Amino acid sequence: MEGMTPDIARSGDGLTPETAVHVVAVNEAYSWLAVKHLRVTGHALIRKGDRRYDEMAATDASGQSRHDYFDVTPFFERYLPMANQPWRPPVARRPLTIRRACASIAVDVTVAR
């Protein structure tokens, strides 16, 4: 495909998540659509198994709408590693109390975190 790197152009047709185009950066998905003369009308991030996909809604010059899928898992693994972890509720923390003896005087300091 003219204007795209061969690896991206051959990675998939983008018609389903299973045949998604593999991209390393999100701007590559927009470049893919621009090369095909498609205008983006919507975007969604979907998760299927351990993979992340950008689902791009787009229209062509005749107004025909379509959806293209881009595997953005490498982006999440590299830049957002916490996004691939299951959600856990925050841990309640107790205030930290430090006791320090100064000569014959004991001082308690409570530090809120």
N, C-alpha and C. Protein backbone atom coordinates (compact mmCIF):
# COMPACT_ATOMS: atom_id res chain seq x y z
N MET A 1 0.85 -1.16 0.00
CA MET A 1 0.00 0.00 0.00
C MET A 1 0.90 1.23 0.00
N GLU A 2 0.69 2.10 -0.93
CA GLU A 2 1.52 3.30 -1.10
C GLU A 2 1.48 4.17 0.15
N GLY A 3 2.64 4.57 0.65
CA GLY A 3 2.71 5.47 1.79
C GLY A 3 2.75 4.77 3.14
N MET A 4 2.64 3.46 3.16
CA MET A 4 2.69 2.72 4.42
C MET A 4 3.92 1.84 4.43
N THR A 5 4.45 1.56 5.61
CA THR A 5 5.57 0.64 5.67
C THR A 5 5.06 -0.75 5.28
N PRO A 6 5.91 -1.54 4.64
CA PRO A 6 5.47 -2.88 4.21
C PRO A 6 4.96 -3.75 5.36
N ASP A 7 5.59 -3.66 6.53
CA ASP A 7 5.15 -4.49 7.66
C ASP A 7 3.72 -4.16 8.07
N ILE A 8 3.39 -2.88 8.12
CA ILE A 8 2.03 -2.48 8.49
C ILE A 8 1.05 -2.88 7.40
N ALA A 9 1.42 -2.63 6.16
CA ALA A 9 0.53 -2.93 5.03
C ALA A 9 0.21 -4.42 4.95
N ARG A 10 1.14 -5.28 5.35
CA ARG A 10 0.93 -6.73 5.25
C ARG A 10 0.40 -7.35 6.54
N SER A 11 0.26 -6.58 7.60
CA SER A 11 -0.06 -7.17 8.90
C SER A 11 -1.50 -7.63 9.04
N GLY A 12 -2.41 -7.09 8.25
CA GLY A 12 -3.81 -7.50 8.32
C GLY A 12 -4.65 -6.59 7.47
N ASP A 13 -5.92 -6.98 7.26
CA ASP A 13 -6.80 -6.13 6.45
C ASP A 13 -7.61 -5.16 7.29
N GLY A 14 -7.64 -5.36 8.61
CA GLY A 14 -8.33 -4.43 9.51
C GLY A 14 -9.84 -4.56 9.55
N LEU A 15 -10.40 -5.57 8.91
CA LEU A 15 -11.86 -5.69 8.86
C LEU A 15 -12.47 -6.28 10.13
N THR A 16 -11.68 -7.01 10.90
CA THR A 16 -12.14 -7.59 12.16
C THR A 16 -11.00 -7.49 13.18
N PRO A 17 -11.29 -7.64 14.47
CA PRO A 17 -10.19 -7.66 15.43
C PRO A 17 -9.19 -8.78 15.15
N GLU A 18 -9.68 -9.91 14.67
CA GLU A 18 -8.79 -11.04 14.38
C GLU A 18 -7.83 -10.74 13.22
N THR A 19 -8.23 -9.87 12.31
CA THR A 19 -7.38 -9.52 11.16
C THR A 19 -6.94 -8.06 11.25
N ALA A 20 -6.83 -7.56 12.48
CA ALA A 20 -6.48 -6.15 12.71
C ALA A 20 -5.11 -5.81 12.13
N VAL A 21 -4.97 -4.56 11.74
CA VAL A 21 -3.69 -4.04 11.29
C VAL A 21 -2.84 -3.81 12.54
N HIS A 22 -1.62 -4.31 12.54
CA HIS A 22 -0.73 -4.17 13.69
C HIS A 22 0.03 -2.86 13.58
N VAL A 23 -0.15 -2.00 14.57
CA VAL A 23 0.54 -0.71 14.59
C VAL A 23 1.31 -0.57 15.89
N VAL A 24 2.36 0.23 15.84
CA VAL A 24 3.17 0.47 17.03
C VAL A 24 2.77 1.78 17.69
N ALA A 25 2.29 2.73 16.87
CA ALA A 25 1.86 4.03 17.38
C ALA A 25 0.46 4.33 16.83
N VAL A 26 -0.31 5.08 17.59
CA VAL A 26 -1.69 5.37 17.21
C VAL A 26 -1.76 6.15 15.89
N ASN A 27 -0.79 7.03 15.65
CA ASN A 27 -0.82 7.81 14.40
C ASN A 27 -0.71 6.93 13.16
N GLU A 28 -0.17 5.72 13.31
CA GLU A 28 -0.10 4.81 12.16
C GLU A 28 -1.50 4.36 11.73
N ALA A 29 -2.41 4.25 12.66
CA ALA A 29 -3.80 3.90 12.31
C ALA A 29 -4.43 5.01 11.48
N TYR A 30 -4.20 6.25 11.88
CA TYR A 30 -4.75 7.38 11.12
C TYR A 30 -4.10 7.46 9.74
N SER A 31 -2.82 7.15 9.65
CA SER A 31 -2.14 7.14 8.35
C SER A 31 -2.73 6.07 7.44
N TRP A 32 -3.01 4.89 8.01
CA TRP A 32 -3.61 3.79 7.25
C TRP A 32 -4.94 4.24 6.63
N LEU A 33 -5.76 4.89 7.45
CA LEU A 33 -7.06 5.36 6.97
C LEU A 33 -6.91 6.47 5.94
N ALA A 34 -5.95 7.36 6.14
CA ALA A 34 -5.74 8.45 5.19
C ALA A 34 -5.29 7.92 3.83
N VAL A 35 -4.43 6.91 3.83
CA VAL A 35 -3.97 6.31 2.57
C VAL A 35 -5.15 5.72 1.80
N LYS A 36 -6.14 5.22 2.53
CA LYS A 36 -7.34 4.65 1.89
C LYS A 36 -8.41 5.71 1.62
N HIS A 37 -8.08 6.98 1.88
CA HIS A 37 -9.00 8.11 1.66
C HIS A 37 -10.28 7.97 2.49
N LEU A 38 -10.09 7.58 3.75
CA LEU A 38 -11.21 7.44 4.68
C LEU A 38 -11.16 8.56 5.71
N ARG A 39 -12.33 9.05 6.10
CA ARG A 39 -12.43 10.11 7.10
C ARG A 39 -12.95 9.49 8.39
N VAL A 40 -12.21 9.68 9.48
CA VAL A 40 -12.58 9.11 10.77
C VAL A 40 -13.81 9.82 11.32
N THR A 41 -14.80 9.03 11.74
CA THR A 41 -16.03 9.59 12.32
C THR A 41 -16.24 9.13 13.76
N GLY A 42 -15.46 8.17 14.21
CA GLY A 42 -15.60 7.67 15.57
C GLY A 42 -14.42 6.79 15.95
N HIS A 43 -14.28 6.58 17.25
CA HIS A 43 -13.14 5.82 17.74
C HIS A 43 -13.54 5.14 19.04
N ALA A 44 -13.11 3.90 19.22
CA ALA A 44 -13.35 3.19 20.48
C ALA A 44 -12.15 2.30 20.76
N LEU A 45 -11.82 2.18 22.02
CA LEU A 45 -10.78 1.26 22.44
C LEU A 45 -11.48 0.02 22.97
N ILE A 46 -11.15 -1.14 22.40
CA ILE A 46 -11.78 -2.38 22.85
C ILE A 46 -10.71 -3.35 23.31
N ARG A 47 -11.10 -4.22 24.22
CA ARG A 47 -10.19 -5.24 24.73
C ARG A 47 -10.79 -6.60 24.41
N LYS A 48 -9.98 -7.45 23.83
CA LYS A 48 -10.42 -8.81 23.50
C LYS A 48 -9.30 -9.74 23.95
N GLY A 49 -9.59 -10.49 25.01
CA GLY A 49 -8.54 -11.33 25.59
C GLY A 49 -7.45 -10.44 26.16
N ASP A 50 -6.21 -10.73 25.82
CA ASP A 50 -5.10 -9.91 26.31
C ASP A 50 -4.65 -8.87 25.28
N ARG A 51 -5.46 -8.64 24.26
CA ARG A 51 -5.12 -7.68 23.21
C ARG A 51 -5.98 -6.43 23.33
N ARG A 52 -5.44 -5.30 22.87
CA ARG A 52 -6.15 -4.02 22.82
C ARG A 52 -6.26 -3.60 21.37
N TYR A 53 -7.44 -3.10 21.01
CA TYR A 53 -7.69 -2.69 19.63
C TYR A 53 -8.31 -1.30 19.59
N ASP A 54 -7.89 -0.52 18.61
CA ASP A 54 -8.60 0.71 18.28
C ASP A 54 -9.59 0.34 17.20
N GLU A 55 -10.86 0.61 17.45
CA GLU A 55 -11.89 0.42 16.43
C GLU A 55 -12.21 1.80 15.88
N MET A 56 -11.92 2.01 14.61
CA MET A 56 -12.12 3.30 13.98
C MET A 56 -13.31 3.24 13.03
N ALA A 57 -14.29 4.07 13.29
CA ALA A 57 -15.41 4.23 12.36
C ALA A 57 -14.98 5.29 11.36
N ALA A 58 -15.24 5.03 10.09
CA ALA A 58 -14.82 5.96 9.04
C ALA A 58 -15.80 5.92 7.88
N THR A 59 -15.75 6.96 7.06
CA THR A 59 -16.56 7.00 5.84
C THR A 59 -15.65 7.27 4.66
N ASP A 60 -16.05 6.74 3.50
CA ASP A 60 -15.29 7.01 2.28
C ASP A 60 -15.92 8.20 1.56
N ALA A 61 -15.39 8.54 0.39
CA ALA A 61 -15.85 9.71 -0.36
C ALA A 61 -17.32 9.63 -0.74
N SER A 62 -17.86 8.42 -0.90
CA SER A 62 -19.27 8.26 -1.28
C SER A 62 -20.21 8.29 -0.07
N GLY A 63 -19.63 8.37 1.14
CA GLY A 63 -20.45 8.38 2.35
C GLY A 63 -20.67 7.01 2.96
N GLN A 64 -20.13 5.98 2.34
CA GLN A 64 -20.24 4.61 2.86
C GLN A 64 -19.44 4.50 4.16
N SER A 65 -20.09 3.99 5.21
CA SER A 65 -19.38 3.87 6.49
C SER A 65 -18.80 2.47 6.65
N ARG A 66 -17.77 2.39 7.48
CA ARG A 66 -17.09 1.13 7.74
C ARG A 66 -16.36 1.22 9.06
N HIS A 67 -15.91 0.08 9.54
CA HIS A 67 -15.11 0.01 10.77
C HIS A 67 -13.82 -0.70 10.45
N ASP A 68 -12.72 -0.15 10.92
CA ASP A 68 -11.41 -0.77 10.76
C ASP A 68 -10.82 -0.98 12.14
N TYR A 69 -10.06 -2.06 12.30
CA TYR A 69 -9.50 -2.44 13.59
C TYR A 69 -7.99 -2.42 13.53
N PHE A 70 -7.39 -1.87 14.60
CA PHE A 70 -5.94 -1.75 14.70
C PHE A 70 -5.50 -2.32 16.04
N ASP A 71 -4.55 -3.25 15.97
CA ASP A 71 -4.02 -3.85 17.19
C ASP A 71 -3.01 -2.87 17.79
N VAL A 72 -3.36 -2.28 18.93
CA VAL A 72 -2.50 -1.29 19.59
C VAL A 72 -1.88 -1.85 20.87
N THR A 73 -1.87 -3.17 21.01
CA THR A 73 -1.32 -3.80 22.20
C THR A 73 0.12 -3.38 22.47
N PRO A 74 1.01 -3.33 21.46
CA PRO A 74 2.39 -2.91 21.76
C PRO A 74 2.47 -1.51 22.39
N PHE A 75 1.60 -0.61 21.96
CA PHE A 75 1.58 0.74 22.54
C PHE A 75 1.25 0.66 24.03
N PHE A 76 0.24 -0.13 24.39
CA PHE A 76 -0.15 -0.26 25.80
C PHE A 76 0.93 -0.96 26.61
N GLU A 77 1.58 -1.94 26.02
CA GLU A 77 2.64 -2.65 26.74
C GLU A 77 3.83 -1.75 27.00
N ARG A 78 4.14 -0.88 26.05
CA ARG A 78 5.31 -0.02 26.17
C ARG A 78 5.04 1.21 27.02
N TYR A 79 3.94 1.91 26.76
CA TYR A 79 3.71 3.20 27.39
C TYR A 79 2.71 3.18 28.54
N LEU A 80 1.86 2.20 28.58
CA LEU A 80 0.83 2.15 29.63
C LEU A 80 0.76 0.76 30.24
N PRO A 81 1.86 0.28 30.84
CA PRO A 81 1.85 -1.10 31.34
C PRO A 81 0.77 -1.35 32.40
N MET A 82 0.39 -0.35 33.16
CA MET A 82 -0.65 -0.54 34.17
C MET A 82 -2.01 -0.80 33.53
N ALA A 83 -2.21 -0.38 32.28
CA ALA A 83 -3.49 -0.58 31.61
C ALA A 83 -3.76 -2.05 31.34
N ASN A 84 -2.72 -2.87 31.33
CA ASN A 84 -2.89 -4.29 31.07
C ASN A 84 -3.10 -5.10 32.34
N GLN A 85 -3.06 -4.44 33.50
CA GLN A 85 -3.25 -5.13 34.77
C GLN A 85 -4.72 -5.11 35.16
N PRO A 86 -5.19 -6.15 35.83
CA PRO A 86 -6.57 -6.13 36.31
C PRO A 86 -6.74 -5.03 37.35
N TRP A 87 -7.92 -4.44 37.40
CA TRP A 87 -8.18 -3.37 38.35
C TRP A 87 -8.25 -3.92 39.76
N ARG A 88 -7.61 -3.22 40.67
CA ARG A 88 -7.68 -3.56 42.09
C ARG A 88 -8.09 -2.31 42.86
N PRO A 89 -8.96 -2.46 43.85
CA PRO A 89 -9.35 -1.28 44.63
C PRO A 89 -8.15 -0.75 45.40
N PRO A 90 -8.14 0.56 45.66
CA PRO A 90 -7.02 1.13 46.40
C PRO A 90 -6.92 0.54 47.81
N VAL A 91 -5.72 0.45 48.29
CA VAL A 91 -5.45 -0.08 49.63
C VAL A 91 -5.60 1.06 50.63
N ALA A 92 -6.37 0.82 51.68
CA ALA A 92 -6.50 1.82 52.74
C ALA A 92 -5.18 1.89 53.50
N ARG A 93 -4.68 3.09 53.68
CA ARG A 93 -3.41 3.25 54.37
C ARG A 93 -3.62 3.92 55.72
N ARG A 94 -2.89 3.43 56.70
CA ARG A 94 -2.92 4.06 58.02
C ARG A 94 -1.88 5.17 58.04
N PRO A 95 -2.12 6.21 58.84
CA PRO A 95 -1.10 7.25 58.97
C PRO A 95 0.19 6.65 59.51
N LEU A 96 1.29 7.17 59.04
CA LEU A 96 2.61 6.71 59.47
C LEU A 96 3.00 7.51 60.71
N THR A 97 3.30 6.83 61.79
CA THR A 97 3.71 7.51 63.02
C THR A 97 5.19 7.25 63.23
N ILE A 98 5.91 8.34 63.42
CA ILE A 98 7.35 8.25 63.66
C ILE A 98 7.60 8.71 65.09
N ARG A 99 8.29 7.91 65.84
CA ARG A 99 8.62 8.28 67.22
C ARG A 99 10.12 8.50 67.28
N ARG A 100 10.47 9.68 67.76
CA ARG A 100 11.89 10.00 67.83
C ARG A 100 12.20 10.55 69.21
N ALA A 101 13.25 10.05 69.79
CA ALA A 101 13.66 10.52 71.12
C ALA A 101 14.72 11.59 70.95
N CYS A 102 14.44 12.74 71.51
CA CYS A 102 15.40 13.85 71.49
C CYS A 102 15.81 14.09 72.93
N ALA A 103 17.01 13.68 73.25
CA ALA A 103 17.51 13.77 74.63
C ALA A 103 16.52 13.05 75.55
N SER A 104 15.85 13.77 76.40
CA SER A 104 14.90 13.12 77.31
C SER A 104 13.46 13.37 76.90
N ILE A 105 13.23 13.99 75.71
CA ILE A 105 11.88 14.32 75.25
C ILE A 105 11.52 13.38 74.10
N ALA A 106 10.38 12.73 74.19
CA ALA A 106 9.88 11.87 73.10
C ALA A 106 8.90 12.68 72.25
N VAL A 107 9.09 12.66 70.95
CA VAL A 107 8.23 13.43 70.05
C VAL A 107 7.52 12.46 69.11
N ASP A 108 6.20 12.56 69.02
CA ASP A 108 5.43 11.76 68.06
C ASP A 108 5.05 12.66 66.89
N VAL A 109 5.32 12.22 65.70
CA VAL A 109 4.95 12.97 64.49
C VAL A 109 4.11 12.05 63.63
N THR A 110 2.93 12.51 63.24
CA THR A 110 2.07 11.73 62.34
C THR A 110 2.11 12.37 60.97
N VAL A 111 2.45 11.57 59.98
CA VAL A 111 2.56 12.06 58.61
C VAL A 111 1.44 11.42 57.79
N ALA A 112 0.60 12.26 57.20
CA ALA A 112 -0.47 11.74 56.33
C ALA A 112 0.10 11.50 54.95
N ARG A 113 -0.26 10.36 54.35
CA ARG A 113 0.20 10.06 52.99
C ARG A 113 -0.93 10.18 52.04
